[in-house]
Amino acid sequence: MLESDLQWETNEQYPLTLHILQRKALQYFLDNQVEGGLVLDRQANHGPRRTEGLCSTAATGMGLIAIALASHEPHKLISRKEAQERIATSLHTALHHLPHDHGIMPHFLDARTMTPHGNDRRSTIDSAWLLTGALWSAAFLQDPFLQKHAEELYQRVNWHSWSVGTPPLLCHGKGERGII
């Protein structure tokens, strides 16, 4: 998108421009959700979409919010049923297939193998994004099944075990060499 595409002449054009930007942002997450429900990270702004690479728990959390919003007015990019299925897939993957330490998951995962990648093998902030997206999207859709599984994912986290120091201070996570 060119900068000139974002400019408007009158206030009447503002809602249309904002709507276009919102739809493009929502579409990003729809286009970059892999089969297991996680969202690919580090896409280029231009050129072909990468279909492999790294998924991010943080991007997935933001994606869950986008997916729920994409199923509602004024966007209606997908049906409510599709949004529920996409979110359920993400929650299932997070609950049953992602490695975790006291509920905290990796920041980056290989898109094909779902194995952790990089230094932050367990990341509190990135897991918090995923938890937030799960809880928010389930509440927004008012879906008891999604709410139950989002709550299960949240309750799995033992925040006390992730506190260090005196007074306790939440750390970013754990890498291959310990706390980061």
C-alpha atoms as a PDB file:
ATOM      1  CA  MET A   1       0.000   0.000   0.000  1.00  0.00           C
ATOM      2  CA  LEU A   2       1.354   3.403  -0.935  1.00  0.00           C
ATOM      3  CA  GLU A   3       1.290   6.326   1.445  1.00  0.00           C
ATOM      4  CA  SER A   4      -0.950   8.151  -1.031  1.00  0.00           C
ATOM      5  CA  ASP A   5      -3.523   5.360  -0.589  1.00  0.00           C
ATOM      6  CA  LEU A   6      -3.859   6.369   3.051  1.00  0.00           C
ATOM      7  CA  GLN A   7      -4.688  10.026   2.436  1.00  0.00           C
ATOM      8  CA  TRP A   8      -8.166  11.434   2.060  1.00  0.00           C
ATOM      9  CA  GLU A   9      -9.550  14.776   1.032  1.00  0.00           C
ATOM     10  CA  THR A  10     -12.567  15.109   3.309  1.00  0.00           C
ATOM     11  CA  ASN A  11     -13.817  13.721   6.584  1.00  0.00           C
ATOM     12  CA  GLU A  12     -16.443  11.758   4.636  1.00  0.00           C
ATOM     13  CA  GLN A  13     -13.657   9.621   3.162  1.00  0.00           C
ATOM     14  CA  TYR A  14     -12.176   8.802   6.561  1.00  0.00           C
ATOM     15  CA  PRO A  15     -14.587   5.956   7.417  1.00  0.00           C
ATOM     16  CA  LEU A  16     -14.005   4.292   4.041  1.00  0.00           C
ATOM     17  CA  THR A  17     -10.227   4.573   4.334  1.00  0.00           C
ATOM     18  CA  LEU A  18     -10.313   3.264   7.905  1.00  0.00           C
ATOM     19  CA  HIS A  19     -12.550   0.391   6.834  1.00  0.00           C
ATOM     20  CA  ILE A  20     -10.118  -0.536   4.037  1.00  0.00           C
ATOM     21  CA  LEU A  21      -7.162  -0.488   6.446  1.00  0.00           C
ATOM     22  CA  GLN A  22      -9.052  -2.596   8.985  1.00  0.00           C
ATOM     23  CA  ARG A  23     -10.006  -5.176   6.359  1.00  0.00           C
ATOM     24  CA  LYS A  24      -6.394  -5.437   5.170  1.00  0.00           C
ATOM     25  CA  ALA A  25      -5.155  -5.913   8.726  1.00  0.00           C
ATOM     26  CA  LEU A  26      -7.748  -8.609   9.413  1.00  0.00           C
ATOM     27  CA  GLN A  27      -6.991 -10.307   6.101  1.00  0.00           C
ATOM     28  CA  TYR A  28      -3.307 -10.537   7.055  1.00  0.00           C
ATOM     29  CA  PHE A  29      -4.156 -12.845   9.951  1.00  0.00           C
ATOM     30  CA  LEU A  30      -6.617 -14.894   7.893  1.00  0.00           C
ATOM     31  CA  ASP A  31      -4.000 -15.395   5.175  1.00  0.00           C
ATOM     32  CA  ASN A  32      -1.191 -16.302   7.570  1.00  0.00           C
ATOM     33  CA  GLN A  33      -2.881 -18.809   9.859  1.00  0.00           C
ATOM     34  CA  VAL A  34      -1.369 -22.261   9.288  1.00  0.00           C
ATOM     35  CA  GLU A  35      -3.231 -25.563   9.429  1.00  0.00           C
ATOM     36  CA  GLY A  36      -2.543 -26.009  13.154  1.00  0.00           C
ATOM     37  CA  GLY A  37      -4.108 -22.636  13.939  1.00  0.00           C
ATOM     38  CA  LEU A  38      -0.945 -20.678  14.714  1.00  0.00           C
ATOM     39  CA  VAL A  39      -0.011 -17.532  12.775  1.00  0.00           C
ATOM     40  CA  LEU A  40       3.097 -17.161  10.659  1.00  0.00           C
ATOM     41  CA  ASP A  41       5.369 -14.327  11.691  1.00  0.00           C
ATOM     42  CA  ARG A  42       7.838 -12.179   9.779  1.00  0.00           C
ATOM     43  CA  GLN A  43       5.992 -11.804   6.497  1.00  0.00           C
ATOM     44  CA  ALA A  44       7.372  -9.346   3.950  1.00  0.00           C
ATOM     45  CA  ASN A  45       5.356  -6.231   3.132  1.00  0.00           C
ATOM     46  CA  HIS A  46       5.821  -6.865  -0.575  1.00  0.00           C
ATOM     47  CA  GLY A  47       6.283  -9.947  -2.711  1.00  0.00           C
ATOM     48  CA  PRO A  48       4.910 -13.439  -2.371  1.00  0.00           C
ATOM     49  CA  ARG A  49       3.581 -14.688   0.938  1.00  0.00           C
ATOM     50  CA  ARG A  50       5.824 -17.126   2.755  1.00  0.00           C
ATOM     51  CA  THR A  51       3.997 -20.359   3.505  1.00  0.00           C
ATOM     52  CA  GLU A  52       6.700 -21.770   5.760  1.00  0.00           C
ATOM     53  CA  GLY A  53       8.910 -20.323   8.418  1.00  0.00           C
ATOM     54  CA  LEU A  54       8.168 -19.358  11.980  1.00  0.00           C
ATOM     55  CA  CYS A  55       4.890 -19.118  13.804  1.00  0.00           C
ATOM     56  CA  SER A  56       4.631 -16.803  16.781  1.00  0.00           C
ATOM     57  CA  THR A  57       2.510 -17.233  19.900  1.00  0.00           C
ATOM     58  CA  ALA A  58       2.220 -13.438  20.109  1.00  0.00           C
ATOM     59  CA  ALA A  59       1.082 -13.142  16.473  1.00  0.00           C
ATOM     60  CA  THR A  60      -1.361 -15.984  17.077  1.00  0.00           C
ATOM     61  CA  GLY A  61      -2.918 -14.159  20.027  1.00  0.00           C
ATOM     62  CA  MET A  62      -3.376 -11.040  17.916  1.00  0.00           C
ATOM     63  CA  GLY A  63      -4.663 -13.259  15.122  1.00  0.00           C
ATOM     64  CA  LEU A  64      -7.356 -14.772  17.346  1.00  0.00           C
ATOM     65  CA  ILE A  65      -8.696 -11.290  18.022  1.00  0.00           C
ATOM     66  CA  ALA A  66      -8.572 -10.473  14.300  1.00  0.00           C
ATOM     67  CA  ILE A  67     -10.365 -13.717  13.394  1.00  0.00           C
ATOM     68  CA  ALA A  68     -13.194 -13.006  15.827  1.00  0.00           C
ATOM     69  CA  LEU A  69     -13.528  -9.444  14.509  1.00  0.00           C
ATOM     70  CA  ALA A  70     -13.401 -10.641  10.893  1.00  0.00           C
ATOM     71  CA  SER A  71     -16.593 -12.625  11.458  1.00  0.00           C
ATOM     72  CA  HIS A  72     -18.635  -9.596  12.531  1.00  0.00           C
ATOM     73  CA  GLU A  73     -19.996  -6.432  10.960  1.00  0.00           C
ATOM     74  CA  PRO A  74     -18.858  -4.362   9.272  1.00  0.00           C
ATOM     75  CA  HIS A  75     -16.243  -6.795   7.959  1.00  0.00           C
ATOM     76  CA  LYS A  76     -17.860 -10.232   7.561  1.00  0.00           C
ATOM     77  CA  LEU A  77     -14.730 -11.616   5.871  1.00  0.00           C
ATOM     78  CA  ILE A  78     -15.545 -15.071   7.244  1.00  0.00           C
ATOM     79  CA  SER A  79     -18.570 -16.694   8.851  1.00  0.00           C
ATOM     80  CA  ARG A  80     -18.998 -16.942  12.607  1.00  0.00           C
ATOM     81  CA  LYS A  81     -18.711 -20.739  12.255  1.00  0.00           C
ATOM     82  CA  GLU A  82     -15.387 -20.447  10.425  1.00  0.00           C
ATOM     83  CA  ALA A  83     -14.088 -18.054  13.085  1.00  0.00           C
ATOM     84  CA  GLN A  84     -15.093 -20.485  15.823  1.00  0.00           C
ATOM     85  CA  GLU A  85     -13.424 -23.389  14.008  1.00  0.00           C
ATOM     86  CA  ARG A  86     -10.205 -21.440  13.401  1.00  0.00           C
ATOM     87  CA  ILE A  87     -10.025 -20.337  17.031  1.00  0.00           C
ATOM     88  CA  ALA A  88     -10.836 -23.852  18.287  1.00  0.00           C
ATOM     89  CA  THR A  89      -7.981 -25.226  16.173  1.00  0.00           C
ATOM     90  CA  SER A  90      -5.580 -22.669  17.663  1.00  0.00           C
ATOM     91  CA  LEU A  91      -6.669 -23.479  21.196  1.00  0.00           C
ATOM     92  CA  HIS A  92      -6.379 -27.223  20.588  1.00  0.00           C
ATOM     93  CA  THR A  93      -2.852 -26.806  19.232  1.00  0.00           C
ATOM     94  CA  ALA A  94      -1.796 -24.585  22.141  1.00  0.00           C
ATOM     95  CA  LEU A  95      -3.290 -26.916  24.730  1.00  0.00           C
ATOM     96  CA  HIS A  96      -2.226 -30.261  23.318  1.00  0.00           C
ATOM     97  CA  HIS A  97       0.726 -29.795  20.981  1.00  0.00           C
ATOM     98  CA  LEU A  98       2.851 -26.851  22.092  1.00  0.00           C
ATOM     99  CA  PRO A  99       5.579 -27.469  24.631  1.00  0.00           C
ATOM    100  CA  HIS A 100       5.198 -25.480  27.825  1.00  0.00           C
ATOM    101  CA  ASP A 101       6.812 -24.966  31.189  1.00  0.00           C
ATOM    102  CA  HIS A 102       4.204 -24.288  33.872  1.00  0.00           C
ATOM    103  CA  GLY A 103       1.919 -23.091  31.057  1.00  0.00           C
ATOM    104  CA  ILE A 104       4.379 -20.711  29.380  1.00  0.00           C
ATOM    105  CA  MET A 105       4.947 -21.483  25.717  1.00  0.00           C
ATOM    106  CA  PRO A 106       7.702 -20.599  23.222  1.00  0.00           C
ATOM    107  CA  HIS A 107       7.685 -17.340  21.309  1.00  0.00           C
ATOM    108  CA  PHE A 108       8.645 -18.846  17.942  1.00  0.00           C
ATOM    109  CA  LEU A 109       7.874 -22.290  16.550  1.00  0.00           C
ATOM    110  CA  ASP A 110       8.819 -23.916  13.293  1.00  0.00           C
ATOM    111  CA  ALA A 111       5.648 -23.822  11.159  1.00  0.00           C
ATOM    112  CA  ARG A 112       6.074 -27.413   9.936  1.00  0.00           C
ATOM    113  CA  THR A 113       7.229 -29.200  13.079  1.00  0.00           C
ATOM    114  CA  MET A 114       5.874 -26.905  15.832  1.00  0.00           C
ATOM    115  CA  THR A 115       9.233 -27.186  17.593  1.00  0.00           C
ATOM    116  CA  PRO A 116      10.579 -24.135  19.466  1.00  0.00           C
ATOM    117  CA  HIS A 117      12.978 -21.870  17.618  1.00  0.00           C
ATOM    118  CA  GLY A 118      15.355 -19.212  18.921  1.00  0.00           C
ATOM    119  CA  ASN A 119      16.552 -18.121  22.340  1.00  0.00           C
ATOM    120  CA  ASP A 120      13.203 -17.627  24.058  1.00  0.00           C
ATOM    121  CA  ARG A 121      12.112 -21.258  24.361  1.00  0.00           C
ATOM    122  CA  ARG A 122       9.502 -20.144  26.898  1.00  0.00           C
ATOM    123  CA  SER A 123       8.276 -16.553  26.812  1.00  0.00           C
ATOM    124  CA  THR A 124       5.933 -14.984  29.351  1.00  0.00           C
ATOM    125  CA  ILE A 125       5.088 -11.912  27.241  1.00  0.00           C
ATOM    126  CA  ASP A 126       4.427 -13.847  24.054  1.00  0.00           C
ATOM    127  CA  SER A 127       2.383 -16.448  25.926  1.00  0.00           C
ATOM    128  CA  ALA A 128       0.430 -13.588  27.502  1.00  0.00           C
ATOM    129  CA  TRP A 129      -0.460 -12.311  24.002  1.00  0.00           C
ATOM    130  CA  LEU A 130      -1.746 -15.768  23.087  1.00  0.00           C
ATOM    131  CA  LEU A 131      -3.713 -16.057  26.321  1.00  0.00           C
ATOM    132  CA  THR A 132      -5.206 -12.596  25.844  1.00  0.00           C
ATOM    133  CA  GLY A 133      -6.250 -13.360  22.284  1.00  0.00           C
ATOM    134  CA  ALA A 134      -7.766 -16.680  23.334  1.00  0.00           C
ATOM    135  CA  LEU A 135      -9.760 -15.212  26.223  1.00  0.00           C
ATOM    136  CA  TRP A 136     -10.873 -12.112  24.301  1.00  0.00           C
ATOM    137  CA  SER A 137     -11.950 -13.910  21.120  1.00  0.00           C
ATOM    138  CA  ALA A 138     -13.884 -16.557  23.061  1.00  0.00           C
ATOM    139  CA  ALA A 139     -15.681 -13.874  25.088  1.00  0.00           C
ATOM    140  CA  PHE A 140     -16.350 -11.731  22.005  1.00  0.00           C
ATOM    141  CA  LEU A 141     -17.928 -14.671  20.182  1.00  0.00           C
ATOM    142  CA  GLN A 142     -19.749 -15.688  23.383  1.00  0.00           C
ATOM    143  CA  ASP A 143     -18.895 -19.307  22.657  1.00  0.00           C
ATOM    144  CA  PRO A 144     -18.950 -21.570  25.752  1.00  0.00           C
ATOM    145  CA  PHE A 145     -16.701 -24.213  24.122  1.00  0.00           C
ATOM    146  CA  LEU A 146     -14.052 -21.629  23.222  1.00  0.00           C
ATOM    147  CA  GLN A 147     -14.398 -19.943  26.612  1.00  0.00           C
ATOM    148  CA  LYS A 148     -13.832 -23.268  28.404  1.00  0.00           C
ATOM    149  CA  HIS A 149     -10.688 -24.026  26.416  1.00  0.00           C
ATOM    150  CA  ALA A 150      -9.317 -20.470  26.620  1.00  0.00           C
ATOM    151  CA  GLU A 151      -9.826 -20.573  30.385  1.00  0.00           C
ATOM    152  CA  GLU A 152      -8.100 -23.978  30.546  1.00  0.00           C
ATOM    153  CA  LEU A 153      -5.119 -22.550  28.670  1.00  0.00           C
ATOM    154  CA  TYR A 154      -5.006 -19.549  31.016  1.00  0.00           C
ATOM    155  CA  GLN A 155      -5.383 -21.632  34.193  1.00  0.00           C
ATOM    156  CA  ARG A 156      -2.504 -23.865  33.130  1.00  0.00           C
ATOM    157  CA  VAL A 157      -0.078 -20.989  33.708  1.00  0.00           C
ATOM    158  CA  ASN A 158       1.602 -20.937  37.110  1.00  0.00           C
ATOM    159  CA  TRP A 159       2.556 -17.264  37.251  1.00  0.00           C
ATOM    160  CA  HIS A 160       4.190 -17.693  40.649  1.00  0.00           C
ATOM    161  CA  SER A 161       6.745 -20.107  39.206  1.00  0.00           C
ATOM    162  CA  TRP A 162       7.681 -17.454  36.641  1.00  0.00           C
ATOM    163  CA  SER A 163       8.542 -14.843  39.260  1.00  0.00           C
ATOM    164  CA  VAL A 164      12.161 -14.191  40.180  1.00  0.00           C
ATOM    165  CA  GLY A 165      13.988 -11.837  42.528  1.00  0.00           C
ATOM    166  CA  THR A 166      12.956  -9.910  45.611  1.00  0.00           C
ATOM    167  CA  PRO A 167      10.399  -8.516  45.284  1.00  0.00           C
ATOM    168  CA  PRO A 168       9.287 -10.953  42.584  1.00  0.00           C
ATOM    169  CA  LEU A 169       9.620  -9.602  39.066  1.00  0.00           C
ATOM    170  CA  LEU A 170       8.172 -11.403  36.086  1.00  0.00           C
ATOM    171  CA  CYS A 171      10.907 -12.437  33.669  1.00  0.00           C
ATOM    172  CA  HIS A 172      10.663 -12.584  29.873  1.00  0.00           C
ATOM    173  CA  GLY A 173      11.114 -16.312  29.733  1.00  0.00           C
ATOM    174  CA  LYS A 174      13.635 -19.132  29.564  1.00  0.00           C
ATOM    175  CA  GLY A 175      16.079 -19.826  26.822  1.00  0.00           C
ATOM    176  CA  GLU A 176      18.570 -22.572  26.250  1.00  0.00           C
ATOM    177  CA  ARG A 177      20.857 -21.024  28.881  1.00  0.00           C
ATOM    178  CA  GLY A 178      18.252 -20.238  31.538  1.00  0.00           C
ATOM    179  CA  ILE A 179      16.234 -17.131  32.389  1.00  0.00           C
ATOM    180  CA  ILE A 180      16.228 -14.256  29.897  1.00  0.00           C
END
